[in-house]
Every structure is written in C-alpha cells, then in structure tokens.
Protein backbone atom coordinates (compact mmCIF):
# COMPACT_ATOMS: atom_id res chain seq x y z
CA MET A 1 -21.88 21.02 -51.30
CA GLN A 2 -22.62 22.10 -47.71
CA GLN A 3 -23.62 18.57 -46.77
CA ALA A 4 -20.43 17.14 -48.29
CA LEU A 5 -18.36 19.71 -46.42
CA LEU A 6 -19.97 18.75 -43.12
CA TRP A 7 -19.43 15.05 -43.80
CA ALA A 8 -15.81 15.59 -44.84
CA ALA A 9 -15.12 17.83 -41.83
CA ALA A 10 -16.62 15.24 -39.47
CA GLY A 11 -14.82 12.34 -41.14
CA THR A 12 -11.39 13.94 -41.27
CA GLY A 13 -11.93 15.51 -37.84
CA PHE A 14 -12.36 11.97 -36.55
CA THR A 15 -9.19 10.76 -38.29
CA PHE A 16 -7.24 13.70 -36.86
CA SER A 17 -8.59 12.98 -33.37
CA MET A 18 -7.45 9.37 -33.66
CA THR A 19 -3.96 10.56 -34.61
CA ALA A 20 -3.92 12.69 -31.44
CA LEU A 21 -5.13 9.77 -29.32
CA GLY A 22 -2.39 7.59 -30.77
CA ALA A 23 0.23 10.23 -30.07
CA ALA A 24 -0.97 10.26 -26.45
CA MET A 25 0.45 6.73 -26.10
CA VAL A 26 3.79 8.43 -25.51
CA PHE A 27 2.59 9.18 -21.96
CA PHE A 28 2.04 5.51 -21.17
CA MET A 29 4.68 3.50 -23.03
CA LYS A 30 8.29 2.92 -22.07
CA LYS A 31 11.11 3.69 -24.47
CA GLN A 32 12.19 0.04 -24.49
CA SER A 33 8.98 -1.00 -26.25
CA THR A 34 9.30 1.60 -28.98
CA ALA A 35 10.96 -0.50 -31.71
CA LEU A 36 8.56 -3.46 -31.53
CA MET A 37 5.46 -1.30 -31.26
CA GLN A 38 6.57 0.86 -34.16
CA ARG A 39 6.87 -2.18 -36.43
CA ILE A 40 3.41 -3.39 -35.44
CA PHE A 41 1.83 0.07 -35.72
CA LEU A 42 3.37 0.87 -39.11
CA GLY A 43 2.52 -2.57 -40.47
CA PHE A 44 -1.10 -2.19 -39.37
CA ALA A 45 -1.32 1.24 -41.02
CA ALA A 46 0.11 -0.21 -44.25
CA GLY A 47 -2.48 -3.01 -44.29
CA VAL A 48 -5.37 -0.61 -43.79
CA MET A 49 -4.15 1.67 -46.58
CA ILE A 50 -3.72 -1.22 -49.04
CA ALA A 51 -7.26 -2.48 -48.45
CA ALA A 52 -8.72 1.05 -48.51
CA SER A 53 -6.98 1.79 -51.81
CA VAL A 54 -8.61 -1.24 -53.44
CA TRP A 55 -12.10 -1.45 -51.91
CA SER A 56 -12.79 2.20 -51.14
CA LEU A 57 -11.07 3.93 -54.07
CA LEU A 58 -10.09 1.83 -57.10
CA ILE A 59 -13.15 -0.43 -57.26
CA PRO A 60 -15.61 2.51 -56.88
CA ALA A 61 -13.68 4.41 -59.58
CA ILE A 62 -13.98 1.46 -61.98
CA GLU A 63 -17.67 0.90 -61.18
CA GLU A 64 -18.57 4.56 -61.57
CA THR A 65 -16.86 4.75 -64.97
CA GLU A 66 -18.54 1.59 -66.24
CA GLN A 67 -21.96 2.81 -65.07
CA ALA A 68 -21.40 5.92 -67.17
CA GLY A 69 -20.59 3.75 -70.20
CA GLY A 70 -16.84 4.27 -70.06
CA VAL A 71 -13.85 1.94 -69.96
CA GLY A 72 -13.35 1.13 -66.27
CA TRP A 73 -9.63 0.48 -66.27
CA LEU A 74 -8.70 3.73 -68.04
CA PRO A 75 -9.35 6.30 -65.27
CA ALA A 76 -8.36 3.74 -62.65
CA SER A 77 -4.90 3.24 -64.15
CA GLY A 78 -4.48 6.84 -65.33
CA GLY A 79 -5.48 8.33 -61.99
CA PHE A 80 -3.35 5.76 -60.18
CA LEU A 81 -0.28 6.92 -62.10
CA LEU A 82 -1.11 10.57 -61.43
CA GLY A 83 -1.26 9.87 -57.70
CA ILE A 84 2.16 8.25 -57.82
CA LEU A 85 3.60 11.21 -59.75
CA LEU A 86 2.11 13.63 -57.21
CA MET A 87 3.78 11.81 -54.32
CA LEU A 88 7.07 11.59 -56.22
CA LEU A 89 6.92 15.35 -56.66
CA LEU A 90 6.13 16.01 -53.00
CA ASP A 91 8.74 13.47 -51.91
CA GLY A 92 11.37 15.31 -53.94
CA LEU A 93 10.41 18.78 -52.73
CA LEU A 94 9.39 18.50 -49.07
CA PRO A 95 12.32 18.07 -46.66
CA HIS A 96 11.69 14.98 -44.51
CA LEU A 97 13.46 12.16 -42.71
CA HIS A 98 12.32 8.56 -42.40
CA ASN A 99 12.71 6.91 -39.02
CA GLY A 100 15.99 5.03 -38.88
CA ALA A 101 17.48 6.87 -41.87
CA ALA A 102 20.74 8.78 -41.60
CA HIS A 103 20.08 11.40 -44.27
CA ALA A 104 17.06 13.58 -45.04
CA GLU A 105 15.21 13.54 -48.38
CA GLY A 106 13.73 16.40 -50.37
CA LEU A 107 15.19 19.86 -50.84
CA PRO A 108 18.09 20.82 -48.55
CA SER A 109 16.96 22.54 -45.37
CA SER A 110 18.16 23.58 -41.93
CA PHE A 111 15.25 21.86 -40.17
CA ARG A 112 16.02 19.91 -37.02
CA ARG A 113 15.94 16.11 -37.16
CA THR A 114 12.73 15.97 -35.11
CA THR A 115 11.00 18.39 -37.51
CA LEU A 116 12.05 16.27 -40.48
CA LEU A 117 10.63 13.15 -38.80
CA VAL A 118 7.25 14.88 -38.33
CA LEU A 119 7.24 16.11 -41.93
CA ALA A 120 7.77 12.55 -43.18
CA VAL A 121 4.50 11.42 -41.58
CA THR A 122 2.69 14.64 -42.47
CA LEU A 123 3.55 13.95 -46.12
CA HIS A 124 1.75 10.63 -46.22
CA ASN A 125 -1.26 11.93 -44.28
CA ILE A 126 -2.13 14.11 -47.28
CA PRO A 127 -3.54 11.32 -49.51
CA GLU A 128 -5.45 9.90 -46.55
CA GLY A 129 -7.30 13.19 -46.03
CA MET A 130 -7.95 13.48 -49.76
CA ALA A 131 -9.34 9.93 -49.91
CA VAL A 132 -11.86 10.58 -47.13
CA GLY A 133 -12.91 13.95 -48.56
CA LEU A 134 -13.34 12.55 -52.07
CA SER A 135 -15.43 9.64 -50.80
CA PHE A 136 -17.88 11.98 -49.06
CA ALA A 137 -17.92 14.31 -52.09
CA ARG A 138 -18.81 11.34 -54.30
CA ALA A 139 -21.65 10.38 -51.94
CA ALA A 140 -23.04 13.94 -52.05
CA GLN A 141 -22.85 14.01 -55.86
CA HIS A 142 -25.07 10.91 -55.93
CA GLY A 143 -27.77 12.55 -53.86
CA GLY A 144 -26.49 11.41 -50.50
CA SER A 145 -26.87 7.71 -51.35
CA ARG A 146 -26.99 5.79 -48.08
CA GLY A 147 -24.70 3.11 -49.47
CA LEU A 148 -22.08 5.63 -50.59
CA VAL A 149 -22.29 7.57 -47.33
CA ALA A 150 -21.82 4.31 -45.43
CA ALA A 151 -18.86 3.42 -47.65
CA ALA A 152 -17.27 6.84 -47.04
CA GLY A 153 -17.91 6.43 -43.33
CA ALA A 154 -16.25 3.01 -43.40
CA LEU A 155 -13.21 4.55 -45.08
CA ALA A 156 -13.02 7.33 -42.48
CA LEU A 157 -13.38 4.75 -39.71
CA GLY A 158 -10.63 2.59 -41.20
CA ILE A 159 -8.27 5.52 -41.71
CA GLY A 160 -9.04 6.69 -38.18
CA ILE A 161 -8.27 3.26 -36.72
CA GLN A 162 -4.92 3.12 -38.49
CA ASN A 163 -4.18 6.73 -37.47
CA PHE A 164 -4.18 5.66 -33.84
CA PRO A 165 -1.07 3.47 -34.17
CA GLU A 166 0.33 5.92 -36.71
CA GLY A 167 0.13 8.77 -34.20
CA ALA A 168 1.99 6.61 -31.72
CA ALA A 169 4.56 5.74 -34.39
CA VAL A 170 5.31 9.47 -34.69
CA ALA A 171 5.32 10.45 -31.02
CA LEU A 172 7.37 7.51 -29.71
CA PRO A 173 10.42 8.10 -31.95
CA LEU A 174 10.31 11.82 -31.15
CA HIS A 175 10.49 10.99 -27.45
CA GLN A 176 13.32 8.58 -28.22
CA GLU A 177 15.10 11.45 -30.00
CA GLY A 178 15.10 13.37 -26.72
CA LEU A 179 11.92 15.49 -26.83
CA SER A 180 9.74 15.67 -23.74
CA ARG A 181 6.60 13.54 -23.66
CA MET A 182 4.41 16.64 -24.03
CA LYS A 183 6.29 17.98 -27.06
CA SER A 184 6.32 14.53 -28.64
CA PHE A 185 2.55 14.31 -28.17
CA VAL A 186 1.91 17.78 -29.66
CA TYR A 187 4.09 17.17 -32.71
CA GLY A 188 2.62 13.70 -33.20
CA ALA A 189 -0.92 15.06 -33.06
CA LEU A 190 -0.16 17.95 -35.42
CA SER A 191 1.21 15.54 -38.04
CA GLY A 192 -2.42 14.65 -38.74
CA ILE A 193 -3.74 18.21 -39.18
CA VAL A 194 -3.26 18.01 -42.96
CA GLU A 195 -6.03 15.41 -43.17
CA PRO A 196 -8.95 17.77 -42.41
CA LEU A 197 -7.25 20.53 -44.42
CA PHE A 198 -6.92 18.42 -47.56
CA GLY A 199 -10.15 16.50 -46.95
CA VAL A 200 -12.24 19.67 -46.85
CA GLY A 201 -10.12 21.24 -49.59
CA VAL A 202 -10.92 18.54 -52.16
CA VAL A 203 -14.63 18.84 -51.37
CA LEU A 204 -14.50 22.58 -52.14
CA VAL A 205 -13.20 21.89 -55.66
CA SER A 206 -15.09 18.64 -56.26
CA ALA A 207 -18.15 20.37 -57.80
CA GLN A 208 -15.97 21.60 -60.67
CA LEU A 209 -14.31 18.19 -61.03
CA THR A 210 -17.36 15.89 -60.98
CA PRO A 211 -16.61 14.30 -64.40
CA PHE A 212 -13.13 13.46 -63.16
CA MET A 213 -14.17 11.84 -59.88
CA PRO A 214 -12.98 8.33 -60.92
CA TRP A 215 -9.59 9.83 -61.79
CA LEU A 216 -9.40 11.60 -58.43
CA LEU A 217 -10.36 8.49 -56.47
CA SER A 218 -7.73 6.48 -58.33
CA ALA A 219 -5.13 9.21 -57.79
CA ALA A 220 -5.75 9.03 -54.04
CA ALA A 221 -5.28 5.25 -54.23
CA GLY A 222 -2.01 5.61 -56.13
CA ALA A 223 -0.73 8.15 -53.62
CA MET A 224 -1.66 5.94 -50.68
CA LEU A 225 -0.02 2.84 -52.14
CA TYR A 226 3.09 4.86 -52.93
CA VAL A 227 3.32 5.75 -49.25
CA VAL A 228 2.81 2.11 -48.25
CA VAL A 229 5.59 0.80 -50.50
CA GLU A 230 7.99 3.73 -50.09
CA GLU A 231 7.68 4.27 -46.35
CA LEU A 232 5.42 2.12 -44.21
CA ILE A 233 6.39 -1.42 -45.18
CA PRO A 234 10.17 -0.78 -45.21
CA GLU A 235 9.97 0.90 -41.79
CA ALA A 236 7.72 -1.87 -40.45
CA HIS A 237 10.45 -4.39 -41.27
CA LEU A 238 13.45 -2.60 -39.75
CA GLY A 239 15.55 -4.91 -37.61
CA GLU A 240 16.39 -8.58 -37.70
CA HIS A 241 12.94 -10.02 -36.99
CA SER A 242 10.10 -8.79 -39.19
CA HIS A 243 7.20 -11.09 -38.24
CA SER A 244 5.64 -8.36 -36.08
CA GLY A 245 5.53 -5.93 -39.03
CA THR A 246 4.23 -8.60 -41.41
CA LEU A 247 1.44 -9.64 -39.05
CA GLY A 248 0.61 -5.96 -38.54
CA VAL A 249 0.10 -5.56 -42.31
CA MET A 250 -2.14 -8.64 -42.45
CA ALA A 251 -4.20 -7.47 -39.48
CA GLY A 252 -4.67 -3.97 -40.92
CA PHE A 253 -5.74 -5.34 -44.31
CA LEU A 254 -8.22 -7.74 -42.70
CA VAL A 255 -9.78 -5.04 -40.50
CA MET A 256 -10.23 -2.57 -43.37
CA MET A 257 -11.59 -5.23 -45.72
CA ILE A 258 -14.21 -6.30 -43.18
CA LEU A 259 -15.16 -2.67 -42.44
CA ASP A 260 -15.58 -1.80 -46.10
CA VAL A 261 -17.57 -4.88 -47.03
CA ALA A 262 -19.72 -4.87 -43.89
CA LEU A 263 -20.47 -1.14 -43.79
CA GLY A 264 -20.09 -0.14 -47.44
C-alpha cells in the first residue's frame, strides 16, 4: 500500500506539475493566438485520452479478467458504463461552463464566468487522476511487476504531456476573459489539483476493491472517453476551420500509443 501511494503521489504530482507548466504559457503567448492554440491543445489532449483509455485501461482490464478465468468483456463493458454514468452525474451536479458556451451547465449557481470555466476543466481532470492512481495500485497488487509499473509510468507520462497543453487551454481563455496573467496562471494550475487528490484517494481504497480492479480500470476509461466526446473534441473544432483540432487529436493518439507500447 505504501509503495502504491508513493508511486501514485509521484505520478499525479507530475501530471499536476505539467498542468501548471502549461498554464504558465499565458505569460508568453499573445491573445491573438489563443483560438488556434486552444484547438490544437484540446485536440492533442483528446487524442492522448482516447489512446490511454484503450491501451492503458480497457485492454489491461480485459487481460486481467481473462487471466483470472473470467469473461473479459463483462467488466470492461460494465465498468465502462459505470464511468459514463459517474460523469453524467457529476456533469449534472457540478456548475461549469464550457469555453465558447453562452450558458452554464449543472446546478444553478452564482459563480462567476471565470470560475465556471475552471470548474469545467477540473471536472474532467478527475478521471485522469483516478486512471493514474488505479494503474499504480494495480502494479502494487501484482507485487510491483516491472512491466505494470512501466505501464503505469507510461500512462502518467502521457497524461502529463497532454496536461501541458490542457493547462494552457485553461489559462489562455481566462486571460481572454479579462483576468490578469498571474490570476489566469494560478487558476489554470489549480484546475489540475484534483488529479493527485483523486489519484491518491483511489489507492487508499484499492486494497478493499482488489477483486473489482478490472471494473475500476474500465470505469476510468469510460469517464475519460465521456470527457473526450462531450467536451474536448467539440471544443477542439470550434470555428470554421477544424483541421488544427483534428490533427491535434491524431498527434495525441499517436504519442500516447507509442508511449504505452514502447514503455508498457
């Protein structure tokens, strides 16, 4: 347990740090470049999350179930649906505002527009933190298998890489909304704080949920893909020309696939 906690804390600490580094782009980029860069950044994040959901979460869930003599597709599909239901619930409860949208989603609130924008990204950082934490917990449950640790590390690296443009995709619109560069950076960085919180949190309960690990991995995949389809891809294709967002998705998928296969 202690080893898994250290791994999860290091992995999600890295992903959070990458979010902060990405948010720091607000100090160097001009407002005019915001729209194009946002499409590229969000597309790249979507591609990484699609590949991570398949190679790092769903396939391991299926393999682990089959090795135990079970039916591989059952926990993969069941957990996948549970992850979608979880995100539907959070989406309906947590007040948030997607970039470019006129009206907020979730329960009515008096939050400012900038706060709602940050909450939108914070919401989809939750499954990312859970995915990294669960991957390290799975590695610890298998005696610290070098292959599984490497696979979890590849997932953390991939999520961290996509968090860099994601942090920028939070901070830049906040600056465009009128916040100072410093405030935009701070809010953008803090949008990623839920990753270490949820990453370490799932490790703390993983010992009691060992038999359900394939379900949990699949749930994280379902939650991540929900975010991709509901938020990232639509926002990556805002505007008349969408090639930048499309190429961003392809690039993100390619990078994460190579990382997972090469390191995992």
